[in-house]
PDB file of N, CA and C in Angstrom:
ATOM      1  N   UNK A   1       1.766 -13.170  10.995  1.00  0.00           N
ATOM      2  CA  UNK A   1       1.451 -12.223   9.769  1.00  0.00           C
ATOM      3  C   UNK A   1       0.181 -12.555   9.317  1.00  0.00           C
ATOM      4  N   UNK A   2      -0.310 -11.645   8.922  1.00  0.00           N
ATOM      5  CA  UNK A   2      -1.973 -11.723   8.477  1.00  0.00           C
ATOM      6  C   UNK A   2      -1.901 -12.783   7.172  1.00  0.00           C
ATOM      7  N   UNK A   3      -3.009 -13.449   7.124  1.00  0.00           N
ATOM      8  CA  UNK A   3      -3.487 -14.436   5.849  1.00  0.00           C
ATOM      9  C   UNK A   3      -3.953 -13.510   4.594  1.00  0.00           C
ATOM     10  N   UNK A   4      -3.084 -12.892   3.884  1.00  0.00           N
ATOM     11  CA  UNK A   4      -3.281 -11.986   2.536  1.00  0.00           C
ATOM     12  C   UNK A   4      -4.160 -13.020   1.274  1.00  0.00           C
ATOM     13  N   UNK A   5      -4.547 -13.976   1.457  1.00  0.00           N
ATOM     14  CA  UNK A   5      -4.921 -14.781   0.515  1.00  0.00           C
ATOM     15  C   UNK A   5      -6.547 -13.852   0.368  1.00  0.00           C
ATOM     16  N   UNK A   6      -6.994 -13.649  -0.764  1.00  0.00           N
ATOM     17  CA  UNK A   6      -8.066 -13.182  -1.819  1.00  0.00           C
ATOM     18  C   UNK A   6      -8.152 -11.468  -1.223  1.00  0.00           C
ATOM     19  N   UNK A   7      -6.574 -11.043  -0.862  1.00  0.00           N
ATOM     20  CA  UNK A   7      -7.020  -9.644  -0.926  1.00  0.00           C
ATOM     21  C   UNK A   7      -7.034  -8.778  -2.033  1.00  0.00           C
ATOM     22  N   UNK A   8      -8.032  -7.915  -2.088  1.00  0.00           N
ATOM     23  CA  UNK A   8      -8.031  -7.115  -3.153  1.00  0.00           C
ATOM     24  C   UNK A   8      -6.616  -5.694  -3.380  1.00  0.00           C
ATOM     25  N   UNK A   9      -5.579  -6.454  -4.058  1.00  0.00           N
ATOM     26  CA  UNK A   9      -4.287  -5.519  -4.516  1.00  0.00           C
ATOM     27  C   UNK A   9      -4.797  -4.390  -5.255  1.00  0.00           C
ATOM     28  N   UNK A  10      -4.603  -3.114  -5.230  1.00  0.00           N
ATOM     29  CA  UNK A  10      -4.645  -2.161  -6.375  1.00  0.00           C
ATOM     30  C   UNK A  10      -3.553  -0.864  -6.555  1.00  0.00           C
ATOM     31  N   UNK A  11      -3.141  -0.546  -7.682  1.00  0.00           N
ATOM     32  CA  UNK A  11      -2.007   0.089  -7.812  1.00  0.00           C
ATOM     33  C   UNK A  11      -2.803   1.592  -7.958  1.00  0.00           C
ATOM     34  N   UNK A  12      -1.473   2.437  -7.744  1.00  0.00           N
ATOM     35  CA  UNK A  12      -2.356   3.927  -7.932  1.00  0.00           C
ATOM     36  C   UNK A  12      -2.701   4.064  -9.310  1.00  0.00           C
ATOM     37  N   UNK A  13      -3.876   4.964  -9.372  1.00  0.00           N
ATOM     38  CA  UNK A  13      -4.103   5.490 -10.835  1.00  0.00           C
ATOM     39  C   UNK A  13      -2.880   6.045 -11.689  1.00  0.00           C
ATOM     40  N   UNK A  14      -2.048   6.648 -10.960  1.00  0.00           N
ATOM     41  CA  UNK A  14      -1.055   7.485 -11.434  1.00  0.00           C
ATOM     42  C   UNK A  14       0.032   6.325 -11.866  1.00  0.00           C
ATOM     43  N   UNK A  15      -0.106   4.873 -11.386  1.00  0.00           N
ATOM     44  CA  UNK A  15       1.313   4.334 -11.638  1.00  0.00           C
ATOM     45  C   UNK A  15       1.452   4.414 -13.444  1.00  0.00           C
ATOM     46  N   UNK A  16       2.638   4.209 -13.792  1.00  0.00           N
ATOM     47  CA  UNK A  16       3.305   4.350 -14.945  1.00  0.00           C
ATOM     48  C   UNK A  16       3.671   2.848 -15.643  1.00  0.00           C
ATOM     49  N   UNK A  17       4.150   2.602 -16.514  1.00  0.00           N
ATOM     50  CA  UNK A  17       4.778   1.625 -16.894  1.00  0.00           C
ATOM     51  C   UNK A  17       6.092   0.971 -16.861  1.00  0.00           C
ATOM     52  N   UNK A  18       6.640   2.000 -15.749  1.00  0.00           N
ATOM     53  CA  UNK A  18       8.140   1.930 -15.906  1.00  0.00           C
ATOM     54  C   UNK A  18       8.629   1.110 -14.488  1.00  0.00           C
ATOM     55  N   UNK A  19       7.757   0.205 -14.017  1.00  0.00           N
ATOM     56  CA  UNK A  19       7.912  -0.816 -13.378  1.00  0.00           C
ATOM     57  C   UNK A  19       7.958  -0.521 -11.740  1.00  0.00           C
ATOM     58  N   UNK A  20       8.155   0.572 -11.501  1.00  0.00           N
ATOM     59  CA  UNK A  20       8.317   1.249 -10.436  1.00  0.00           C
ATOM     60  C   UNK A  20       6.657   1.495  -9.350  1.00  0.00           C
ATOM     61  N   UNK A  21       6.030   0.213  -9.563  1.00  0.00           N
ATOM     62  CA  UNK A  21       4.871   0.201  -8.723  1.00  0.00           C
ATOM     63  C   UNK A  21       4.851  -0.456  -7.258  1.00  0.00           C
ATOM     64  N   UNK A  22       3.956   0.470  -6.654  1.00  0.00           N
ATOM     65  CA  UNK A  22       3.561  -0.896  -5.549  1.00  0.00           C
ATOM     66  C   UNK A  22       1.982  -0.804  -5.422  1.00  0.00           C
ATOM     67  N   UNK A  23       1.910  -2.048  -4.659  1.00  0.00           N
ATOM     68  CA  UNK A  23       0.278  -2.423  -4.371  1.00  0.00           C
ATOM     69  C   UNK A  23       0.027  -1.966  -3.349  1.00  0.00           C
ATOM     70  N   UNK A  24      -1.537  -1.930  -2.976  1.00  0.00           N
ATOM     71  CA  UNK A  24      -2.124  -1.344  -1.563  1.00  0.00           C
ATOM     72  C   UNK A  24      -3.311  -2.321  -1.066  1.00  0.00           C
ATOM     73  N   UNK A  25      -3.387  -2.988  -0.248  1.00  0.00           N
ATOM     74  CA  UNK A  25      -4.632  -3.555   0.247  1.00  0.00           C
ATOM     75  C   UNK A  25      -4.891  -3.186   1.458  1.00  0.00           C
ATOM     76  N   UNK A  26      -6.147  -2.627   1.681  1.00  0.00           N
ATOM     77  CA  UNK A  26      -6.772  -1.566   2.801  1.00  0.00           C
ATOM     78  C   UNK A  26      -8.097  -2.418   2.859  1.00  0.00           C
ATOM     79  N   UNK A  27      -8.619  -3.119   2.063  1.00  0.00           N
ATOM     80  CA  UNK A  27     -10.196  -3.376   2.282  1.00  0.00           C
ATOM     81  C   UNK A  27     -10.625  -4.727   3.001  1.00  0.00           C
ATOM     82  N   UNK A  28      -9.169  -5.660   2.858  1.00  0.00           N
ATOM     83  CA  UNK A  28      -9.591  -7.072   3.230  1.00  0.00           C
ATOM     84  C   UNK A  28      -9.489  -7.018   5.016  1.00  0.00           C
ATOM     85  N   UNK A  29      -8.576  -6.467   5.629  1.00  0.00           N
ATOM     86  CA  UNK A  29      -8.501  -6.637   6.746  1.00  0.00           C
ATOM     87  C   UNK A  29      -9.004  -5.018   7.716  1.00  0.00           C
ATOM     88  N   UNK A  30      -9.896  -4.475   7.238  1.00  0.00           N
ATOM     89  CA  UNK A  30     -10.249  -3.272   7.628  1.00  0.00           C
ATOM     90  C   UNK A  30     -10.642  -3.429   9.155  1.00  0.00           C
ATOM     91  N   UNK A  31     -11.056  -4.393   9.549  1.00  0.00           N
ATOM     92  CA  UNK A  31     -11.309  -5.035  10.937  1.00  0.00           C
ATOM     93  C   UNK A  31     -10.258  -4.660  11.575  1.00  0.00           C
ATOM     94  N   UNK A  32      -9.163  -4.857  11.273  1.00  0.00           N
ATOM     95  CA  UNK A  32      -7.429  -5.097  12.295  1.00  0.00           C
ATOM     96  C   UNK A  32      -7.299  -3.388  12.253  1.00  0.00           C
ATOM     97  N   UNK A  33      -7.678  -2.743  11.264  1.00  0.00           N
ATOM     98  CA  UNK A  33      -6.927  -1.709  10.945  1.00  0.00           C
ATOM     99  C   UNK A  33      -5.871  -1.240  10.243  1.00  0.00           C
ATOM    100  N   UNK A  34      -5.083  -2.309   9.316  1.00  0.00           N
ATOM    101  CA  UNK A  34      -4.069  -2.377   8.604  1.00  0.00           C
ATOM    102  C   UNK A  34      -4.242  -1.705   7.216  1.00  0.00           C
ATOM    103  N   UNK A  35      -3.485  -1.649   7.082  1.00  0.00           N
ATOM    104  CA  UNK A  35      -2.891  -1.448   5.463  1.00  0.00           C
ATOM    105  C   UNK A  35      -1.906  -2.251   5.206  1.00  0.00           C
ATOM    106  N   UNK A  36      -2.033  -2.939   3.765  1.00  0.00           N
ATOM    107  CA  UNK A  36      -0.639  -3.730   3.579  1.00  0.00           C
ATOM    108  C   UNK A  36      -0.293  -3.229   2.140  1.00  0.00           C
ATOM    109  N   UNK A  37       1.137  -3.025   1.832  1.00  0.00           N
ATOM    110  CA  UNK A  37       1.968  -2.681   1.190  1.00  0.00           C
ATOM    111  C   UNK A  37       3.020  -3.402   0.197  1.00  0.00           C
ATOM    112  N   UNK A  38       2.740  -3.878  -0.825  1.00  0.00           N
ATOM    113  CA  UNK A  38       3.484  -4.974  -1.801  1.00  0.00           C
ATOM    114  C   UNK A  38       4.211  -4.211  -3.088  1.00  0.00           C
ATOM    115  N   UNK A  39       5.535  -4.874  -3.469  1.00  0.00           N
ATOM    116  CA  UNK A  39       6.100  -4.484  -4.666  1.00  0.00           C
ATOM    117  C   UNK A  39       5.415  -5.196  -5.788  1.00  0.00           C
ATOM    118  N   UNK A  40       4.795  -4.412  -6.624  1.00  0.00           N
ATOM    119  CA  UNK A  40       4.158  -4.919  -7.583  1.00  0.00           C
ATOM    120  C   UNK A  40       4.925  -6.021  -8.594  1.00  0.00           C
ATOM    121  N   UNK A  41       5.937  -5.839  -8.798  1.00  0.00           N
ATOM    122  CA  UNK A  41       6.936  -6.620  -9.713  1.00  0.00           C
ATOM    123  C   UNK A  41       7.072  -8.074  -9.228  1.00  0.00           C
ATOM    124  N   UNK A  42       7.007  -8.254  -7.839  1.00  0.00           N
ATOM    125  CA  UNK A  42       7.716  -9.266  -6.888  1.00  0.00           C
ATOM    126  C   UNK A  42       6.615  -9.121  -5.608  1.00  0.00           C
ATOM    127  N   UNK A  43       5.422  -9.802  -5.914  1.00  0.00           N
ATOM    128  CA  UNK A  43       4.175  -9.781  -5.016  1.00  0.00           C
ATOM    129  C   UNK A  43       4.421 -10.916  -3.819  1.00  0.00           C
ATOM    130  N   UNK A  44       5.499 -11.568  -4.188  1.00  0.00           N
ATOM    131  CA  UNK A  44       5.841 -12.711  -3.070  1.00  0.00           C
ATOM    132  C   UNK A  44       6.690 -12.739  -2.269  1.00  0.00           C
ATOM    133  N   UNK A  45       7.269 -11.377  -2.385  1.00  0.00           N
ATOM    134  CA  UNK A  45       8.613 -10.818  -1.716  1.00  0.00           C
ATOM    135  C   UNK A  45       8.389 -10.617  -0.457  1.00  0.00           C
ATOM    136  N   UNK A  46       7.233 -10.570  -0.097  1.00  0.00           N
ATOM    137  CA  UNK A  46       6.536  -9.813   1.780  1.00  0.00           C
ATOM    138  C   UNK A  46       5.881  -8.600   1.167  1.00  0.00           C
ATOM    139  N   UNK A  47       5.221  -8.084   2.472  1.00  0.00           N
ATOM    140  CA  UNK A  47       4.623  -7.026   2.544  1.00  0.00           C
ATOM    141  C   UNK A  47       5.034  -6.194   3.960  1.00  0.00           C
ATOM    142  N   UNK A  48       4.840  -4.818   3.482  1.00  0.00           N
ATOM    143  CA  UNK A  48       4.823  -4.088   4.585  1.00  0.00           C
ATOM    144  C   UNK A  48       3.063  -3.835   5.504  1.00  0.00           C
ATOM    145  N   UNK A  49       3.308  -3.448   6.441  1.00  0.00           N
ATOM    146  CA  UNK A  49       1.608  -3.472   7.224  1.00  0.00           C
ATOM    147  C   UNK A  49       2.087  -2.180   7.708  1.00  0.00           C
ATOM    148  N   UNK A  50       0.873  -1.371   7.945  1.00  0.00           N
ATOM    149  CA  UNK A  50       0.902  -0.181   8.340  1.00  0.00           C
ATOM    150  C   UNK A  50      -0.353  -0.177   9.418  1.00  0.00           C
ATOM    151  N   UNK A  51      -0.315   0.910  10.316  1.00  0.00           N
ATOM    152  CA  UNK A  51      -1.550   0.880  11.074  1.00  0.00           C
ATOM    153  C   UNK A  51      -2.636   2.098   9.888  1.00  0.00           C
ATOM    154  N   UNK A  52      -4.165   2.087  10.090  1.00  0.00           N
ATOM    155  CA  UNK A  52      -4.851   2.728   9.674  1.00  0.00           C
ATOM    156  C   UNK A  52      -4.235   4.595   9.782  1.00  0.00           C
ATOM    157  N   UNK A  53      -3.643   4.907  10.942  1.00  0.00           N
ATOM    158  CA  UNK A  53      -2.985   5.926  11.425  1.00  0.00           C
ATOM    159  C   UNK A  53      -1.785   6.479  10.849  1.00  0.00           C
ATOM    160  N   UNK A  54      -0.959   5.687  10.640  1.00  0.00           N
ATOM    161  CA  UNK A  54       0.359   5.396   9.582  1.00  0.00           C
ATOM    162  C   UNK A  54       0.185   5.874   8.289  1.00  0.00           C
ATOM    163  N   UNK A  55      -0.776   5.225   7.765  1.00  0.00           N
ATOM    164  CA  UNK A  55      -1.226   5.339   6.394  1.00  0.00           C
ATOM    165  C   UNK A  55      -1.744   6.845   6.255  1.00  0.00           C
ATOM    166  N   UNK A  56      -2.625   7.162   6.926  1.00  0.00           N
ATOM    167  CA  UNK A  56      -3.404   8.376   6.754  1.00  0.00           C
ATOM    168  C   UNK A  56      -2.388   9.165   7.230  1.00  0.00           C
ATOM    169  N   UNK A  57      -1.521   9.297   7.540  1.00  0.00           N
ATOM    170  CA  UNK A  57      -0.327  10.105   8.108  1.00  0.00           C
ATOM    171  C   UNK A  57       0.468  10.467   6.781  1.00  0.00           C
ATOM    172  N   UNK A  58       0.757   9.291   6.041  1.00  0.00           N
ATOM    173  CA  UNK A  58       1.711   9.410   5.077  1.00  0.00           C
ATOM    174  C   UNK A  58       1.137   9.476   3.991  1.00  0.00           C
ATOM    175  N   UNK A  59      -0.536   9.394   3.408  1.00  0.00           N
ATOM    176  CA  UNK A  59      -1.140   9.755   2.010  1.00  0.00           C
ATOM    177  C   UNK A  59      -1.237  11.546   2.436  1.00  0.00           C
ATOM    178  N   UNK A  60      -1.188  12.142   3.817  1.00  0.00           N
ATOM    179  CA  UNK A  60      -1.115  13.328   4.068  1.00  0.00           C
ATOM    180  C   UNK A  60      -0.340  14.266   3.695  1.00  0.00           C
ATOM    181  N   UNK A  61       1.008  13.453   3.870  1.00  0.00           N
ATOM    182  CA  UNK A  61       2.215  13.980   3.574  1.00  0.00           C
ATOM    183  C   UNK A  61       2.565  14.012   2.077  1.00  0.00           C
ATOM    184  N   UNK A  62       2.254  13.300   1.361  1.00  0.00           N
ATOM    185  CA  UNK A  62       1.906  13.276  -0.241  1.00  0.00           C
ATOM    186  C   UNK A  62       1.358  14.071  -0.719  1.00  0.00           C
ATOM    187  N   UNK A  63       0.022  14.288  -0.083  1.00  0.00           N
ATOM    188  CA  UNK A  63      -0.715  15.810  -0.442  1.00  0.00           C
ATOM    189  C   UNK A  63      -0.284  16.975  -0.321  1.00  0.00           C
ATOM    190  N   UNK A  64       0.598  16.796   0.948  1.00  0.00           N
ATOM    191  CA  UNK A  64       0.857  18.285   1.202  1.00  0.00           C
ATOM    192  C   UNK A  64       2.359  18.443   0.412  1.00  0.00           C
ATOM    193  N   UNK A  65       2.812  17.793  -0.338  1.00  0.00           N
ATOM    194  CA  UNK A  65       4.204  17.675  -0.887  1.00  0.00           C
ATOM    195  C   UNK A  65       5.563  17.569   0.249  1.00  0.00           C
ATOM    196  N   UNK A  66       5.287  16.735   1.187  1.00  0.00           N
ATOM    197  CA  UNK A  66       6.402  16.429   1.898  1.00  0.00           C
ATOM    198  C   UNK A  66       7.440  15.645   1.348  1.00  0.00           C
ATOM    199  N   UNK A  67       7.285  15.048   0.306  1.00  0.00           N
ATOM    200  CA  UNK A  67       8.094  13.789  -0.180  1.00  0.00           C
ATOM    201  C   UNK A  67       8.657  14.656  -1.670  1.00  0.00           C
ATOM    202  N   UNK A  68       8.000  15.543  -2.140  1.00  0.00           N
ATOM    203  CA  UNK A  68       8.534  16.240  -3.326  1.00  0.00           C
ATOM    204  C   UNK A  68      10.137  16.810  -3.100  1.00  0.00           C
ATOM    205  N   UNK A  69      10.896  16.548  -4.647  1.00  0.00           N
ATOM    206  CA  UNK A  69      12.183  16.548  -4.671  1.00  0.00           C
ATOM    207  C   UNK A  69      12.250  17.616  -5.383  1.00  0.00           C
TER     208      UNK A  69
END
């Protein structure tokens, strides 16, 4: 598991106040090519780790509307 001490976590600018937010840290461990995601309400509950390619594919899907209901 990566040491995320000092990671710069950020929320989406589109996050509301409903409490359903995630935070992303992608700048701390750029050399490892990973992106980390956690629940903003429970930051100590764990993180998900994605490769840079996986994250790029996810963001592309969001932009293309693949997850729209």
